[in-house]
Amino acid sequence: PNTNEFIVDSVGLANIGLSDVQFHFKGMNPNKVANLAYSLARYILNNDDIMIKDGDTIDGMNDEGKMTPEVQWICRYEDSLIEPLRPVLDIDTGKYAAGNRN
C-alpha cells in the first residue's frame, strides 16, 4: 500500500442518522485535515436541518495548511473507505486527493 495516503473519517455520526465525513488525501498534514473534519462534523451535528448536497463545496486549505475560501473542495456522497461500511460525505481535496476521482 501507498503509505503517503491518509484517510480521515468522522465515524459515529451515521449512528445518529447524520452523515459521517471522509477525507482521502496525500501531501497535507493529517492533523490539520483531522481538525477540518472535526469542524465539518460539528457543523453537520449542529445544523442537521441544513443538508450538504452532492456538488456543494466547502472552504479548503492552501499550500500552507490554512483554511481559505479561495480554495473550494467538492462534497460528494460515497461509500466509506473504512469499516463500518456506510454512506459518507466524501470531500474531494483537489490537488491533494488520493485514489481514483472521476
PDB file of N, CA and C in Angstrom:
ATOM      1  N   PRO A   1       0.812  -1.204   0.000  1.00  0.00           N
ATOM      2  CA  PRO A   1       0.000   0.000   0.000  1.00  0.00           C
ATOM      3  C   PRO A   1       0.850   1.260   0.000  1.00  0.00           C
ATOM      4  N   ASN A   2       0.284   2.324  -0.521  1.00  0.00           N
ATOM      5  CA  ASN A   2       0.973   3.612  -0.584  1.00  0.00           C
ATOM      6  C   ASN A   2       0.851   4.302   0.771  1.00  0.00           C
ATOM      7  N   THR A   3       1.962   4.392   1.497  1.00  0.00           N
ATOM      8  CA  THR A   3       1.930   4.978   2.838  1.00  0.00           C
ATOM      9  C   THR A   3       1.890   6.501   2.807  1.00  0.00           C
ATOM     10  N   ASN A   4       1.896   7.088   1.620  1.00  0.00           N
ATOM     11  CA  ASN A   4       1.799   8.541   1.517  1.00  0.00           C
ATOM     12  C   ASN A   4       0.355   9.022   1.492  1.00  0.00           C
ATOM     13  N   GLU A   5      -0.603   8.091   1.523  1.00  0.00           N
ATOM     14  CA  GLU A   5      -2.014   8.444   1.505  1.00  0.00           C
ATOM     15  C   GLU A   5      -2.607   8.293   2.898  1.00  0.00           C
ATOM     16  N   PHE A   6      -3.578   9.148   3.215  1.00  0.00           N
ATOM     17  CA  PHE A   6      -4.245   9.124   4.516  1.00  0.00           C
ATOM     18  C   PHE A   6      -5.749   9.145   4.319  1.00  0.00           C
ATOM     19  N   ILE A   7      -6.460   8.618   5.306  1.00  0.00           N
ATOM     20  CA  ILE A   7      -7.912   8.727   5.371  1.00  0.00           C
ATOM     21  C   ILE A   7      -8.262   9.282   6.742  1.00  0.00           C
ATOM     22  N   VAL A   8      -9.060  10.328   6.750  1.00  0.00           N
ATOM     23  CA  VAL A   8      -9.633  10.855   7.989  1.00  0.00           C
ATOM     24  C   VAL A   8     -11.130  10.652   7.854  1.00  0.00           C
ATOM     25  N   ASP A   9     -11.731   9.991   8.838  1.00  0.00           N
ATOM     26  CA  ASP A   9     -13.152   9.642   8.805  1.00  0.00           C
ATOM     27  C   ASP A   9     -13.749   9.954  10.174  1.00  0.00           C
ATOM     28  N   SER A  10     -14.911  10.569  10.175  1.00  0.00           N
ATOM     29  CA  SER A  10     -15.516  11.003  11.437  1.00  0.00           C
ATOM     30  C   SER A  10     -16.312   9.913  12.142  1.00  0.00           C
ATOM     31  N   VAL A  11     -16.247   8.692  11.719  1.00  0.00           N
ATOM     32  CA  VAL A  11     -17.008   7.548  12.257  1.00  0.00           C
ATOM     33  C   VAL A  11     -17.835   7.905  13.495  1.00  0.00           C
ATOM     34  N   GLY A  12     -19.146   7.734  13.384  1.00  0.00           N
ATOM     35  CA  GLY A  12     -20.016   7.944  14.536  1.00  0.00           C
ATOM     36  C   GLY A  12     -21.295   8.693  14.239  1.00  0.00           C
ATOM     37  N   LEU A  13     -21.233   9.673  13.339  1.00  0.00           N
ATOM     38  CA  LEU A  13     -22.437  10.455  13.054  1.00  0.00           C
ATOM     39  C   LEU A  13     -23.525   9.602  12.400  1.00  0.00           C
ATOM     40  N   ALA A  14     -23.121   8.617  11.592  1.00  0.00           N
ATOM     41  CA  ALA A  14     -24.114   7.755  10.936  1.00  0.00           C
ATOM     42  C   ALA A  14     -24.966   7.018  11.962  1.00  0.00           C
ATOM     43  N   ASN A  15     -24.415   6.760  13.141  1.00  0.00           N
ATOM     44  CA  ASN A  15     -25.164   6.062  14.190  1.00  0.00           C
ATOM     45  C   ASN A  15     -26.355   6.864  14.691  1.00  0.00           C
ATOM     46  N   ILE A  16     -26.331   8.178  14.479  1.00  0.00           N
ATOM     47  CA  ILE A  16     -27.463   9.012  14.918  1.00  0.00           C
ATOM     48  C   ILE A  16     -28.208   9.612  13.723  1.00  0.00           C
ATOM     49  N   GLY A  17     -28.020   9.006  12.545  1.00  0.00           N
ATOM     50  CA  GLY A  17     -28.777   9.401  11.366  1.00  0.00           C
ATOM     51  C   GLY A  17     -28.212  10.561  10.573  1.00  0.00           C
ATOM     52  N   LEU A  18     -26.971  10.949  10.853  1.00  0.00           N
ATOM     53  CA  LEU A  18     -26.323  12.043  10.117  1.00  0.00           C
ATOM     54  C   LEU A  18     -25.201  11.475   9.264  1.00  0.00           C
ATOM     55  N   SER A  19     -24.639  12.290   8.411  1.00  0.00           N
ATOM     56  CA  SER A  19     -23.564  11.851   7.531  1.00  0.00           C
ATOM     57  C   SER A  19     -22.202  11.984   8.195  1.00  0.00           C
ATOM     58  N   ASP A  20     -21.443  10.884   8.184  1.00  0.00           N
ATOM     59  CA  ASP A  20     -20.034  10.991   8.538  1.00  0.00           C
ATOM     60  C   ASP A  20     -19.315  11.688   7.395  1.00  0.00           C
ATOM     61  N   VAL A  21     -18.133  12.241   7.685  1.00  0.00           N
ATOM     62  CA  VAL A  21     -17.329  12.874   6.648  1.00  0.00           C
ATOM     63  C   VAL A  21     -16.043  12.086   6.472  1.00  0.00           C
ATOM     64  N   GLN A  22     -15.548  12.094   5.242  1.00  0.00           N
ATOM     65  CA  GLN A  22     -14.350  11.325   4.899  1.00  0.00           C
ATOM     66  C   GLN A  22     -13.448  12.165   4.001  1.00  0.00           C
ATOM     67  N   PHE A  23     -12.170  12.172   4.326  1.00  0.00           N
ATOM     68  CA  PHE A  23     -11.144  12.816   3.509  1.00  0.00           C
ATOM     69  C   PHE A  23     -10.120  11.741   3.142  1.00  0.00           C
ATOM     70  N   HIS A  24      -9.835  11.552   1.851  1.00  0.00           N
ATOM     71  CA  HIS A  24      -8.796  10.627   1.381  1.00  0.00           C
ATOM     72  C   HIS A  24      -7.793  11.490   0.623  1.00  0.00           C
ATOM     73  N   PHE A  25      -6.589  11.624   1.154  1.00  0.00           N
ATOM     74  CA  PHE A  25      -5.684  12.656   0.653  1.00  0.00           C
ATOM     75  C   PHE A  25      -4.216  12.247   0.767  1.00  0.00           C
ATOM     76  N   LYS A  26      -3.385  13.072   0.170  1.00  0.00           N
ATOM     77  CA  LYS A  26      -1.921  12.940   0.276  1.00  0.00           C
ATOM     78  C   LYS A  26      -1.329  14.339   0.213  1.00  0.00           C
ATOM     79  N   GLY A  27      -0.148  14.494   0.790  1.00  0.00           N
ATOM     80  CA  GLY A  27       0.559  15.767   0.684  1.00  0.00           C
ATOM     81  C   GLY A  27       0.088  16.863   1.621  1.00  0.00           C
ATOM     82  N   MET A  28      -0.749  16.522   2.608  1.00  0.00           N
ATOM     83  CA  MET A  28      -1.197  17.515   3.591  1.00  0.00           C
ATOM     84  C   MET A  28      -0.939  16.969   4.987  1.00  0.00           C
ATOM     85  N   ASN A  29      -0.862  17.862   5.941  1.00  0.00           N
ATOM     86  CA  ASN A  29      -0.686  17.478   7.335  1.00  0.00           C
ATOM     87  C   ASN A  29      -1.974  16.804   7.830  1.00  0.00           C
ATOM     88  N   PRO A  30      -1.911  15.509   8.211  1.00  0.00           N
ATOM     89  CA  PRO A  30      -3.127  14.812   8.644  1.00  0.00           C
ATOM     90  C   PRO A  30      -3.784  15.441   9.871  1.00  0.00           C
ATOM     91  N   ASN A  31      -3.011  16.061  10.739  1.00  0.00           N
ATOM     92  CA  ASN A  31      -3.597  16.707  11.916  1.00  0.00           C
ATOM     93  C   ASN A  31      -4.472  17.897  11.519  1.00  0.00           C
ATOM     94  N   LYS A  32      -4.026  18.658  10.511  1.00  0.00           N
ATOM     95  CA  LYS A  32      -4.825  19.801  10.054  1.00  0.00           C
ATOM     96  C   LYS A  32      -6.091  19.329   9.368  1.00  0.00           C
ATOM     97  N   VAL A  33      -5.995  18.221   8.616  1.00  0.00           N
ATOM     98  CA  VAL A  33      -7.186  17.670   7.962  1.00  0.00           C
ATOM     99  C   VAL A  33      -8.144  17.121   9.020  1.00  0.00           C
ATOM    100  N   ALA A  34      -7.616  16.485  10.060  1.00  0.00           N
ATOM    101  CA  ALA A  34      -8.463  15.968  11.140  1.00  0.00           C
ATOM    102  C   ALA A  34      -9.200  17.118  11.828  1.00  0.00           C
ATOM    103  N   ASN A  35      -8.531  18.241  12.018  1.00  0.00           N
ATOM    104  CA  ASN A  35      -9.190  19.414  12.613  1.00  0.00           C
ATOM    105  C   ASN A  35     -10.318  19.918  11.716  1.00  0.00           C
ATOM    106  N   LEU A  36     -10.073  19.935  10.410  1.00  0.00           N
ATOM    107  CA  LEU A  36     -11.102  20.364   9.470  1.00  0.00           C
ATOM    108  C   LEU A  36     -12.270  19.369   9.480  1.00  0.00           C
ATOM    109  N   ALA A  37     -11.965  18.074   9.520  1.00  0.00           N
ATOM    110  CA  ALA A  37     -13.021  17.051   9.572  1.00  0.00           C
ATOM    111  C   ALA A  37     -13.854  17.214  10.834  1.00  0.00           C
ATOM    112  N   TYR A  38     -13.206  17.474  11.947  1.00  0.00           N
ATOM    113  CA  TYR A  38     -13.910  17.697  13.210  1.00  0.00           C
ATOM    114  C   TYR A  38     -14.835  18.906  13.096  1.00  0.00           C
ATOM    115  N   SER A  39     -14.352  19.987  12.507  1.00  0.00           N
ATOM    116  CA  SER A  39     -15.163  21.194  12.336  1.00  0.00           C
ATOM    117  C   SER A  39     -16.362  20.923  11.430  1.00  0.00           C
ATOM    118  N   LEU A  40     -16.149  20.182  10.358  1.00  0.00           N
ATOM    119  CA  LEU A  40     -17.237  19.869   9.444  1.00  0.00           C
ATOM    120  C   LEU A  40     -18.250  18.939  10.116  1.00  0.00           C
ATOM    121  N   ALA A  41     -17.777  17.952  10.869  1.00  0.00           N
ATOM    122  CA  ALA A  41     -18.680  17.054  11.598  1.00  0.00           C
ATOM    123  C   ALA A  41     -19.491  17.834  12.632  1.00  0.00           C
ATOM    124  N   ARG A  42     -18.847  18.762  13.309  1.00  0.00           N
ATOM    125  CA  ARG A  42     -19.549  19.596  14.284  1.00  0.00           C
ATOM    126  C   ARG A  42     -20.615  20.452  13.593  1.00  0.00           C
ATOM    127  N   TYR A  43     -20.290  20.980  12.416  1.00  0.00           N
ATOM    128  CA  TYR A  43     -21.266  21.756  11.641  1.00  0.00           C
ATOM    129  C   TYR A  43     -22.477  20.888  11.297  1.00  0.00           C
ATOM    130  N   ILE A  44     -22.223  19.668  10.808  1.00  0.00           N
ATOM    131  CA  ILE A  44     -23.313  18.754  10.447  1.00  0.00           C
ATOM    132  C   ILE A  44     -24.164  18.432  11.671  1.00  0.00           C
ATOM    133  N   LEU A  45     -23.519  18.194  12.804  1.00  0.00           N
ATOM    134  CA  LEU A  45     -24.240  17.876  14.030  1.00  0.00           C
ATOM    135  C   LEU A  45     -25.103  19.046  14.505  1.00  0.00           C
ATOM    136  N   ASN A  46     -24.576  20.244  14.418  1.00  0.00           N
ATOM    137  CA  ASN A  46     -25.295  21.429  14.909  1.00  0.00           C
ATOM    138  C   ASN A  46     -26.291  22.007  13.917  1.00  0.00           C
ATOM    139  N   ASN A  47     -26.205  21.566  12.656  1.00  0.00           N
ATOM    140  CA  ASN A  47     -27.082  22.106  11.611  1.00  0.00           C
ATOM    141  C   ASN A  47     -27.729  20.971  10.832  1.00  0.00           C
ATOM    142  N   ASP A  48     -28.270  19.984  11.548  1.00  0.00           N
ATOM    143  CA  ASP A  48     -28.796  18.799  10.877  1.00  0.00           C
ATOM    144  C   ASP A  48     -29.981  19.107   9.971  1.00  0.00           C
ATOM    145  N   ASP A  49     -30.526  20.312  10.047  1.00  0.00           N
ATOM    146  CA  ASP A  49     -31.612  20.705   9.157  1.00  0.00           C
ATOM    147  C   ASP A  49     -31.092  21.300   7.845  1.00  0.00           C
ATOM    148  N   ILE A  50     -29.786  21.518   7.747  1.00  0.00           N
ATOM    149  CA  ILE A  50     -29.182  22.061   6.530  1.00  0.00           C
ATOM    150  C   ILE A  50     -28.381  20.946   5.861  1.00  0.00           C
ATOM    151  N   MET A  51     -28.905  20.418   4.777  1.00  0.00           N
ATOM    152  CA  MET A  51     -28.281  19.284   4.103  1.00  0.00           C
ATOM    153  C   MET A  51     -27.212  19.761   3.132  1.00  0.00           C
ATOM    154  N   ILE A  52     -26.015  19.230   3.257  1.00  0.00           N
ATOM    155  CA  ILE A  52     -24.975  19.465   2.257  1.00  0.00           C
ATOM    156  C   ILE A  52     -25.271  18.508   1.110  1.00  0.00           C
ATOM    157  N   LYS A  53     -25.334  19.025  -0.113  1.00  0.00           N
ATOM    158  CA  LYS A  53     -25.723  18.230  -1.275  1.00  0.00           C
ATOM    159  C   LYS A  53     -24.500  17.843  -2.113  1.00  0.00           C
ATOM    160  N   ASP A  54     -24.672  16.780  -2.932  1.00  0.00           N
ATOM    161  CA  ASP A  54     -23.651  16.414  -3.904  1.00  0.00           C
ATOM    162  C   ASP A  54     -23.296  17.636  -4.738  1.00  0.00           C
ATOM    163  N   GLY A  55     -22.010  17.910  -4.863  1.00  0.00           N
ATOM    164  CA  GLY A  55     -21.560  19.034  -5.672  1.00  0.00           C
ATOM    165  C   GLY A  55     -21.390  20.329  -4.909  1.00  0.00           C
ATOM    166  N   ASP A  56     -21.930  20.411  -3.686  1.00  0.00           N
ATOM    167  CA  ASP A  56     -21.671  21.597  -2.859  1.00  0.00           C
ATOM    168  C   ASP A  56     -20.179  21.666  -2.564  1.00  0.00           C
ATOM    169  N   THR A  57     -19.714  22.827  -2.168  1.00  0.00           N
ATOM    170  CA  THR A  57     -18.297  22.985  -1.842  1.00  0.00           C
ATOM    171  C   THR A  57     -18.128  23.503  -0.423  1.00  0.00           C
ATOM    172  N   ILE A  58     -16.944  23.230   0.119  1.00  0.00           N
ATOM    173  CA  ILE A  58     -16.544  23.798   1.408  1.00  0.00           C
ATOM    174  C   ILE A  58     -15.206  24.495   1.209  1.00  0.00           C
ATOM    175  N   ASP A  59     -14.867  25.393   2.124  1.00  0.00           N
ATOM    176  CA  ASP A  59     -13.553  26.030   2.076  1.00  0.00           C
ATOM    177  C   ASP A  59     -12.491  24.965   2.301  1.00  0.00           C
ATOM    178  N   GLY A  60     -11.469  24.984   1.453  1.00  0.00           N
ATOM    179  CA  GLY A  60     -10.365  24.044   1.568  1.00  0.00           C
ATOM    180  C   GLY A  60      -9.160  24.690   2.217  1.00  0.00           C
ATOM    181  N   MET A  61      -8.020  24.033   2.047  1.00  0.00           N
ATOM    182  CA  MET A  61      -6.767  24.540   2.622  1.00  0.00           C
ATOM    183  C   MET A  61      -5.795  24.908   1.518  1.00  0.00           C
ATOM    184  N   ASN A  62      -5.032  25.957   1.779  1.00  0.00           N
ATOM    185  CA  ASN A  62      -3.997  26.359   0.835  1.00  0.00           C
ATOM    186  C   ASN A  62      -2.728  25.542   1.091  1.00  0.00           C
ATOM    187  N   ASP A  63      -1.672  25.839   0.374  1.00  0.00           N
ATOM    188  CA  ASP A  63      -0.422  25.076   0.489  1.00  0.00           C
ATOM    189  C   ASP A  63       0.228  25.204   1.857  1.00  0.00           C
ATOM    190  N   GLU A  64      -0.141  26.232   2.620  1.00  0.00           N
ATOM    191  CA  GLU A  64       0.406  26.413   3.973  1.00  0.00           C
ATOM    192  C   GLU A  64      -0.464  25.712   5.029  1.00  0.00           C
ATOM    193  N   GLY A  65      -1.558  25.059   4.586  1.00  0.00           N
ATOM    194  CA  GLY A  65      -2.427  24.343   5.515  1.00  0.00           C
ATOM    195  C   GLY A  65      -3.428  25.217   6.226  1.00  0.00           C
ATOM    196  N   LYS A  66      -3.694  26.398   5.677  1.00  0.00           N
ATOM    197  CA  LYS A  66      -4.680  27.293   6.288  1.00  0.00           C
ATOM    198  C   LYS A  66      -5.977  27.237   5.484  1.00  0.00           C
ATOM    199  N   MET A  67      -7.120  27.184   6.212  1.00  0.00           N
ATOM    200  CA  MET A  67      -8.408  27.219   5.536  1.00  0.00           C
ATOM    201  C   MET A  67      -8.588  28.562   4.844  1.00  0.00           C
ATOM    202  N   THR A  68      -9.170  28.498   3.643  1.00  0.00           N
ATOM    203  CA  THR A  68      -9.388  29.715   2.879  1.00  0.00           C
ATOM    204  C   THR A  68     -10.565  29.536   1.928  1.00  0.00           C
ATOM    205  N   PRO A  69     -11.384  30.579   1.765  1.00  0.00           N
ATOM    206  CA  PRO A  69     -12.465  30.496   0.782  1.00  0.00           C
ATOM    207  C   PRO A  69     -11.955  30.540  -0.654  1.00  0.00           C
ATOM    208  N   GLU A  70     -10.666  30.844  -0.825  1.00  0.00           N
ATOM    209  CA  GLU A  70     -10.079  30.877  -2.159  1.00  0.00           C
ATOM    210  C   GLU A  70      -9.877  29.483  -2.727  1.00  0.00           C
ATOM    211  N   VAL A  71      -9.893  28.454  -1.864  1.00  0.00           N
ATOM    212  CA  VAL A  71      -9.774  27.057  -2.297  1.00  0.00           C
ATOM    213  C   VAL A  71     -11.085  26.374  -1.946  1.00  0.00           C
ATOM    214  N   GLN A  72     -11.768  25.838  -2.952  1.00  0.00           N
ATOM    215  CA  GLN A  72     -13.049  25.170  -2.737  1.00  0.00           C
ATOM    216  C   GLN A  72     -12.910  23.678  -3.027  1.00  0.00           C
ATOM    217  N   TRP A  73     -13.343  22.860  -2.082  1.00  0.00           N
ATOM    218  CA  TRP A  73     -13.318  21.404  -2.222  1.00  0.00           C
ATOM    219  C   TRP A  73     -14.736  20.906  -2.413  1.00  0.00           C
ATOM    220  N   ILE A  74     -14.916  19.975  -3.342  1.00  0.00           N
ATOM    221  CA  ILE A  74     -16.232  19.450  -3.708  1.00  0.00           C
ATOM    222  C   ILE A  74     -16.647  18.331  -2.757  1.00  0.00           C
ATOM    223  N   CYS A  75     -17.919  18.344  -2.364  1.00  0.00           N
ATOM    224  CA  CYS A  75     -18.512  17.331  -1.480  1.00  0.00           C
ATOM    225  C   CYS A  75     -19.335  16.359  -2.325  1.00  0.00           C
ATOM    226  N   ARG A  76     -19.179  15.060  -2.053  1.00  0.00           N
ATOM    227  CA  ARG A  76     -19.975  14.039  -2.727  1.00  0.00           C
ATOM    228  C   ARG A  76     -20.311  12.938  -1.739  1.00  0.00           C
ATOM    229  N   TYR A  77     -21.487  12.377  -1.892  1.00  0.00           N
ATOM    230  CA  TYR A  77     -21.859  11.228  -1.068  1.00  0.00           C
ATOM    231  C   TYR A  77     -21.349   9.958  -1.754  1.00  0.00           C
ATOM    232  N   GLU A  78     -20.564   9.184  -1.001  1.00  0.00           N
ATOM    233  CA  GLU A  78     -19.973   7.946  -1.500  1.00  0.00           C
ATOM    234  C   GLU A  78     -20.007   6.917  -0.384  1.00  0.00           C
ATOM    235  N   ASP A  79     -19.587   5.694  -0.703  1.00  0.00           N
ATOM    236  CA  ASP A  79     -19.442   4.672   0.328  1.00  0.00           C
ATOM    237  C   ASP A  79     -18.132   4.910   1.066  1.00  0.00           C
ATOM    238  N   SER A  80     -18.128   4.607   2.356  1.00  0.00           N
ATOM    239  CA  SER A  80     -16.923   4.796   3.163  1.00  0.00           C
ATOM    240  C   SER A  80     -15.808   3.868   2.674  1.00  0.00           C
ATOM    241  N   LEU A  81     -14.580   4.320   2.864  1.00  0.00           N
ATOM    242  CA  LEU A  81     -13.415   3.515   2.507  1.00  0.00           C
ATOM    243  C   LEU A  81     -12.981   2.604   3.649  1.00  0.00           C
ATOM    244  N   ILE A  82     -13.430   2.913   4.871  1.00  0.00           N
ATOM    245  CA  ILE A  82     -13.065   2.094   6.027  1.00  0.00           C
ATOM    246  C   ILE A  82     -14.338   1.585   6.708  1.00  0.00           C
ATOM    247  N   GLU A  83     -14.168   0.573   7.525  1.00  0.00           N
ATOM    248  CA  GLU A  83     -15.282  -0.009   8.273  1.00  0.00           C
ATOM    249  C   GLU A  83     -15.715   0.945   9.376  1.00  0.00           C
ATOM    250  N   PRO A  84     -16.966   0.943   9.749  1.00  0.00           N
ATOM    251  CA  PRO A  84     -18.053   0.181   9.134  1.00  0.00           C
ATOM    252  C   PRO A  84     -18.463   0.820   7.803  1.00  0.00           C
ATOM    253  N   LEU A  85     -18.843  -0.035   6.853  1.00  0.00           N
ATOM    254  CA  LEU A  85     -19.272   0.477   5.555  1.00  0.00           C
ATOM    255  C   LEU A  85     -20.583   1.225   5.719  1.00  0.00           C
ATOM    256  N   ARG A  86     -20.637   2.451   5.157  1.00  0.00           N
ATOM    257  CA  ARG A  86     -21.800   3.305   5.255  1.00  0.00           C
ATOM    258  C   ARG A  86     -21.628   4.453   4.277  1.00  0.00           C
ATOM    259  N   PRO A  87     -22.725   5.118   3.925  1.00  0.00           N
ATOM    260  CA  PRO A  87     -22.575   6.318   3.094  1.00  0.00           C
ATOM    261  C   PRO A  87     -21.889   7.420   3.898  1.00  0.00           C
ATOM    262  N   VAL A  88     -21.002   8.157   3.260  1.00  0.00           N
ATOM    263  CA  VAL A  88     -20.301   9.267   3.908  1.00  0.00           C
ATOM    264  C   VAL A  88     -20.292  10.467   2.964  1.00  0.00           C
ATOM    265  N   LEU A  89     -20.082  11.624   3.543  1.00  0.00           N
ATOM    266  CA  LEU A  89     -19.848  12.828   2.759  1.00  0.00           C
ATOM    267  C   LEU A  89     -18.343  12.871   2.490  1.00  0.00           C
ATOM    268  N   ASP A  90     -17.970  12.548   1.256  1.00  0.00           N
ATOM    269  CA  ASP A  90     -16.555  12.500   0.878  1.00  0.00           C
ATOM    270  C   ASP A  90     -16.148  13.876   0.366  1.00  0.00           C
ATOM    271  N   ILE A  91     -15.010  14.365   0.860  1.00  0.00           N
ATOM    272  CA  ILE A  91     -14.512  15.673   0.466  1.00  0.00           C
ATOM    273  C   ILE A  91     -13.356  15.486  -0.510  1.00  0.00           C
ATOM    274  N   ASP A  92     -13.542  15.963  -1.730  1.00  0.00           N
ATOM    275  CA  ASP A  92     -12.505  15.897  -2.762  1.00  0.00           C
ATOM    276  C   ASP A  92     -11.551  17.056  -2.521  1.00  0.00           C
ATOM    277  N   THR A  93     -10.347  16.727  -2.080  1.00  0.00           N
ATOM    278  CA  THR A  93      -9.369  17.743  -1.687  1.00  0.00           C
ATOM    279  C   THR A  93      -8.559  18.285  -2.869  1.00  0.00           C
ATOM    280  N   GLY A  94      -9.126  18.197  -4.055  1.00  0.00           N
ATOM    281  CA  GLY A  94      -8.488  18.792  -5.231  1.00  0.00           C
ATOM    282  C   GLY A  94      -7.131  18.180  -5.524  1.00  0.00           C
ATOM    283  N   LYS A  95      -6.118  19.017  -5.614  1.00  0.00           N
ATOM    284  CA  LYS A  95      -4.784  18.530  -5.978  1.00  0.00           C
ATOM    285  C   LYS A  95      -4.182  17.617  -4.920  1.00  0.00           C
ATOM    286  N   TYR A  96      -4.774  17.568  -3.724  1.00  0.00           N
ATOM    287  CA  TYR A  96      -4.296  16.691  -2.666  1.00  0.00           C
ATOM    288  C   TYR A  96      -5.067  15.374  -2.599  1.00  0.00           C
ATOM    289  N   ALA A  97      -6.039  15.191  -3.481  1.00  0.00           N
ATOM    290  CA  ALA A  97      -6.886  13.990  -3.445  1.00  0.00           C
ATOM    291  C   ALA A  97      -6.062  12.741  -3.730  1.00  0.00           C
ATOM    292  N   ALA A  98      -6.409  11.668  -3.033  1.00  0.00           N
ATOM    293  CA  ALA A  98      -5.799  10.361  -3.258  1.00  0.00           C
ATOM    294  C   ALA A  98      -6.856   9.429  -3.828  1.00  0.00           C
ATOM    295  N   GLY A  99      -6.415   8.355  -4.464  1.00  0.00           N
ATOM    296  CA  GLY A  99      -7.356   7.400  -5.043  1.00  0.00           C
ATOM    297  C   GLY A  99      -7.893   7.891  -6.369  1.00  0.00           C
ATOM    298  N   ASN A 100      -8.801   7.116  -6.929  1.00  0.00           N
ATOM    299  CA  ASN A 100      -9.417   7.475  -8.216  1.00  0.00           C
ATOM    300  C   ASN A 100     -10.558   8.440  -7.997  1.00  0.00           C
ATOM    301  N   ARG A 101     -10.546   9.523  -8.720  1.00  0.00           N
ATOM    302  CA  ARG A 101     -11.620  10.513  -8.683  1.00  0.00           C
ATOM    303  C   ARG A 101     -12.134  10.686 -10.101  1.00  0.00           C
ATOM    304  N   ASN A 102     -13.388  10.361 -10.298  1.00  0.00           N
ATOM    305  CA  ASN A 102     -13.965  10.505 -11.653  1.00  0.00           C
ATOM    306  C   ASN A 102     -14.917  11.659 -11.713  1.00  0.00           C
TER     307      ASN A 102
END
